[in-house]
C-alpha atoms as a PDB file:
ATOM      1  CA  UNK A   1      67.004  78.988  95.900  1.00  0.00           C
ATOM      2  CA  UNK A   2      69.145  78.209  98.911  1.00  0.00           C
ATOM      3  CA  UNK A   3      69.983  80.907 101.449  1.00  0.00           C
ATOM      4  CA  UNK A   4      73.193  82.628 100.346  1.00  0.00           C
ATOM      5  CA  UNK A   5      74.465  82.928 103.922  1.00  0.00           C
ATOM      6  CA  UNK A   6      73.651  79.382 105.053  1.00  0.00           C
ATOM      7  CA  UNK A   7      76.144  76.533 105.343  1.00  0.00           C
ATOM      8  CA  UNK A   8      79.341  77.313 103.417  1.00  0.00           C
ATOM      9  CA  UNK A   9      77.855  80.725 102.678  1.00  0.00           C
ATOM     10  CA  UNK A  10      78.457  81.653 106.320  1.00  0.00           C
ATOM     11  CA  UNK A  11      82.159  81.110 105.854  1.00  0.00           C
ATOM     12  CA  UNK A  12      82.110  83.207 102.684  1.00  0.00           C
ATOM     13  CA  UNK A  13      80.203  86.003 104.435  1.00  0.00           C
ATOM     14  CA  UNK A  14      82.763  85.956 107.238  1.00  0.00           C
ATOM     15  CA  UNK A  15      85.767  85.973 104.891  1.00  0.00           C
ATOM     16  CA  UNK A  16      84.272  88.674 102.669  1.00  0.00           C
ATOM     17  CA  UNK A  17      83.504  90.700 105.791  1.00  0.00           C
ATOM     18  CA  UNK A  18      87.066  90.378 107.038  1.00  0.00           C
ATOM     19  CA  UNK A  19      88.422  91.419 103.643  1.00  0.00           C
ATOM     20  CA  UNK A  20      85.971  94.319 103.477  1.00  0.00           C
ATOM     21  CA  UNK A  21      87.167  95.644 106.828  1.00  0.00           C
ATOM     22  CA  UNK A  22      90.858  94.950 106.160  1.00  0.00           C
ATOM     23  CA  UNK A  23      90.895  96.442 102.655  1.00  0.00           C
ATOM     24  CA  UNK A  24      88.869  99.473 103.747  1.00  0.00           C
ATOM     25  CA  UNK A  25      91.100 100.191 106.709  1.00  0.00           C
ATOM     26  CA  UNK A  26      94.353  99.634 104.884  1.00  0.00           C
ATOM     27  CA  UNK A  27      93.389 101.639 101.799  1.00  0.00           C
ATOM     28  CA  UNK A  28      92.016 104.569 103.820  1.00  0.00           C
ATOM     29  CA  UNK A  29      95.184 104.707 105.924  1.00  0.00           C
ATOM     30  CA  UNK A  30      97.355 104.488 102.813  1.00  0.00           C
ATOM     31  CA  UNK A  31      95.339 107.148 100.979  1.00  0.00           C
ATOM     32  CA  UNK A  32      95.224 109.364 104.056  1.00  0.00           C
ATOM     33  CA  UNK A  33      98.900 109.203 104.908  1.00  0.00           C
ATOM     34  CA  UNK A  34     100.732 108.659 101.609  1.00  0.00           C
ATOM     35  CA  UNK A  35      98.341 109.031  98.679  1.00  0.00           C
ATOM     36  CA  UNK A  36     101.072 110.571  96.530  1.00  0.00           C
ATOM     37  CA  UNK A  37     103.290 107.493  97.003  1.00  0.00           C
ATOM     38  CA  UNK A  38     101.019 105.085  95.088  1.00  0.00           C
ATOM     39  CA  UNK A  39      97.692 106.705  94.182  1.00  0.00           C
ATOM     40  CA  UNK A  40      96.731 104.051  91.625  1.00  0.00           C
ATOM     41  CA  UNK A  41      97.481 101.131  93.917  1.00  0.00           C
ATOM     42  CA  UNK A  42      95.765 102.664  96.941  1.00  0.00           C
ATOM     43  CA  UNK A  43      92.709 103.696  94.918  1.00  0.00           C
ATOM     44  CA  UNK A  44      92.392 100.205  93.464  1.00  0.00           C
ATOM     45  CA  UNK A  45      92.640  98.841  96.990  1.00  0.00           C
ATOM     46  CA  UNK A  46      89.743 101.088  98.016  1.00  0.00           C
ATOM     47  CA  UNK A  47      87.784  99.816  95.005  1.00  0.00           C
ATOM     48  CA  UNK A  48      88.475  96.264  96.188  1.00  0.00           C
ATOM     49  CA  UNK A  49      87.143  97.219  99.621  1.00  0.00           C
ATOM     50  CA  UNK A  50      83.908  98.526  98.101  1.00  0.00           C
ATOM     51  CA  UNK A  51      83.499  95.342  96.064  1.00  0.00           C
ATOM     52  CA  UNK A  52      84.059  93.232  99.191  1.00  0.00           C
ATOM     53  CA  UNK A  53      81.452  95.324 101.036  1.00  0.00           C
ATOM     54  CA  UNK A  54      78.916  94.849  98.234  1.00  0.00           C
ATOM     55  CA  UNK A  55      79.553  91.097  98.078  1.00  0.00           C
ATOM     56  CA  UNK A  56      79.276  90.748 101.862  1.00  0.00           C
ATOM     57  CA  UNK A  57      76.034  92.723 101.966  1.00  0.00           C
ATOM     58  CA  UNK A  58      74.454  90.772  99.117  1.00  0.00           C
ATOM     59  CA  UNK A  59      75.460  87.415 100.583  1.00  0.00           C
ATOM     60  CA  UNK A  60      73.837  88.478 103.864  1.00  0.00           C
ATOM     61  CA  UNK A  61      70.649  89.823 102.273  1.00  0.00           C
ATOM     62  CA  UNK A  62      69.924  86.946  99.927  1.00  0.00           C
ATOM     63  CA  UNK A  63      67.136  86.956  97.355  1.00  0.00           C
ATOM     64  CA  UNK A  64      67.298  87.029  93.562  1.00  0.00           C
ATOM     65  CA  UNK A  65      68.357  90.678  93.218  1.00  0.00           C
ATOM     66  CA  UNK A  66      71.105  90.328  95.832  1.00  0.00           C
ATOM     67  CA  UNK A  67      72.240  87.129  94.102  1.00  0.00           C
ATOM     68  CA  UNK A  68      72.650  88.923  90.758  1.00  0.00           C
ATOM     69  CA  UNK A  69      74.469  91.854  92.355  1.00  0.00           C
ATOM     70  CA  UNK A  70      76.743  89.422  94.203  1.00  0.00           C
ATOM     71  CA  UNK A  71      77.532  87.641  90.917  1.00  0.00           C
ATOM     72  CA  UNK A  72      78.436  90.978  89.334  1.00  0.00           C
ATOM     73  CA  UNK A  73      80.541  92.065  92.328  1.00  0.00           C
ATOM     74  CA  UNK A  74      82.430  88.773  92.564  1.00  0.00           C
ATOM     75  CA  UNK A  75      83.000  88.727  88.794  1.00  0.00           C
ATOM     76  CA  UNK A  76      84.450  92.252  88.944  1.00  0.00           C
ATOM     77  CA  UNK A  77      86.521  91.106  91.921  1.00  0.00           C
ATOM     78  CA  UNK A  78      87.968  88.221  89.887  1.00  0.00           C
ATOM     79  CA  UNK A  79      88.760  90.497  86.951  1.00  0.00           C
ATOM     80  CA  UNK A  80      90.256  93.067  89.321  1.00  0.00           C
ATOM     81  CA  UNK A  81      92.541  90.686  91.158  1.00  0.00           C
ATOM     82  CA  UNK A  82      93.713  89.254  87.820  1.00  0.00           C
ATOM     83  CA  UNK A  83      94.311  92.665  86.243  1.00  0.00           C
ATOM     84  CA  UNK A  84      95.941  94.214  89.313  1.00  0.00           C
ATOM     85  CA  UNK A  85      97.962  91.051  89.849  1.00  0.00           C
ATOM     86  CA  UNK A  86      99.429  91.339  86.355  1.00  0.00           C
ATOM     87  CA  UNK A  87      99.879  95.119  86.535  1.00  0.00           C
ATOM     88  CA  UNK A  88     101.715  94.873  89.843  1.00  0.00           C
ATOM     89  CA  UNK A  89     104.386  92.783  88.114  1.00  0.00           C
ATOM     90  CA  UNK A  90     104.441  94.778  84.868  1.00  0.00           C
ATOM     91  CA  UNK A  91     104.095  98.375  86.106  1.00  0.00           C
ATOM     92  CA  UNK A  92     105.964  98.059  89.377  1.00  0.00           C
ATOM     93  CA  UNK A  93     106.149 101.838  89.902  1.00  0.00           C
ATOM     94  CA  UNK A  94     102.370 101.878  90.462  1.00  0.00           C
ATOM     95  CA  UNK A  95     102.663  99.309  93.275  1.00  0.00           C
ATOM     96  CA  UNK A  96     105.552 100.220  95.578  1.00  0.00           C
ATOM     97  CA  UNK A  97     103.572  98.849  98.554  1.00  0.00           C
ATOM     98  CA  UNK A  98     101.473  95.740  98.920  1.00  0.00           C
ATOM     99  CA  UNK A  99      97.738  96.120  98.409  1.00  0.00           C
ATOM    100  CA  UNK A 100      94.958  93.573  98.668  1.00  0.00           C
ATOM    101  CA  UNK A 101      95.055  92.615  94.971  1.00  0.00           C
ATOM    102  CA  UNK A 102      98.706  93.333  94.116  1.00  0.00           C
ATOM    103  CA  UNK A 103     100.786  90.301  93.192  1.00  0.00           C
ATOM    104  CA  UNK A 104      97.515  88.314  93.120  1.00  0.00           C
ATOM    105  CA  UNK A 105      96.980  88.849  96.832  1.00  0.00           C
ATOM    106  CA  UNK A 106     100.395  87.588  97.885  1.00  0.00           C
ATOM    107  CA  UNK A 107     100.344  89.777 100.991  1.00  0.00           C
ATOM    108  CA  UNK A 108      97.126  88.022 102.019  1.00  0.00           C
ATOM    109  CA  UNK A 109      98.303  84.437 101.378  1.00  0.00           C
ATOM    110  CA  UNK A 110      96.750  84.548  97.874  1.00  0.00           C
ATOM    111  CA  UNK A 111      93.251  84.432  99.403  1.00  0.00           C
ATOM    112  CA  UNK A 112      92.135  87.369  97.213  1.00  0.00           C
ATOM    113  CA  UNK A 113      92.846  85.161  94.197  1.00  0.00           C
ATOM    114  CA  UNK A 114      91.022  82.119  95.583  1.00  0.00           C
ATOM    115  CA  UNK A 115      88.076  83.980  97.129  1.00  0.00           C
ATOM    116  CA  UNK A 116      86.248  84.971  93.924  1.00  0.00           C
ATOM    117  CA  UNK A 117      86.420  81.392  92.636  1.00  0.00           C
ATOM    118  CA  UNK A 118      84.897  80.159  95.901  1.00  0.00           C
ATOM    119  CA  UNK A 119      82.330  82.939  95.766  1.00  0.00           C
ATOM    120  CA  UNK A 120      81.307  82.170  92.197  1.00  0.00           C
ATOM    121  CA  UNK A 121      81.084  78.446  92.965  1.00  0.00           C
ATOM    122  CA  UNK A 122      78.796  79.169  95.923  1.00  0.00           C
ATOM    123  CA  UNK A 123      76.698  81.588  93.895  1.00  0.00           C
ATOM    124  CA  UNK A 124      76.353  78.978  91.158  1.00  0.00           C
ATOM    125  CA  UNK A 125      75.144  76.442  93.729  1.00  0.00           C
ATOM    126  CA  UNK A 126      72.624  78.920  95.123  1.00  0.00           C
ATOM    127  CA  UNK A 127      71.411  80.497  91.898  1.00  0.00           C
ATOM    128  CA  UNK A 128      67.746  81.464  91.737  1.00  0.00           C
ATOM    129  CA  UNK A 129      65.639  78.600  90.503  1.00  0.00           C
ATOM    130  CA  UNK A 130      68.109  75.925  91.594  1.00  0.00           C
ATOM    131  CA  UNK A 131      66.849  73.242  93.894  1.00  0.00           C
ATOM    132  CA  UNK A 132      68.782  71.087  96.340  1.00  0.00           C
ATOM    133  CA  UNK A 133      69.383  67.565  95.055  1.00  0.00           C
ATOM    134  CA  UNK A 134      66.749  65.088  96.109  1.00  0.00           C
ATOM    135  CA  UNK A 135      68.167  62.877  98.694  1.00  0.00           C
END
């Protein structure tokens, strides 16, 4: 198995780390100052932050267990950004403000939509038992 945080994994760790910090900060401020305005949206944003933290940690730690947890976290992330993306267009009252996953991450240049695909591709390339191609 290749190191999860080596090569392109370093970029993923950095991006996941940035999203972890940004989503945590934004959701805590939103929940702390205006939780009654959009409790569902802000709570889902905090959930996104936790998922980003788990993914970042697992990508840094490496190893088979961390790999499996990262796969689960990034899969939940993909489902979350898809579900919240749809809900933010359908149930607009729940999303009066932008959150990390609302409108498929539009407020973040759609990176929240692209990130789980990149994460899953990297995790597939580094899955336990995989070997680098003979060169």
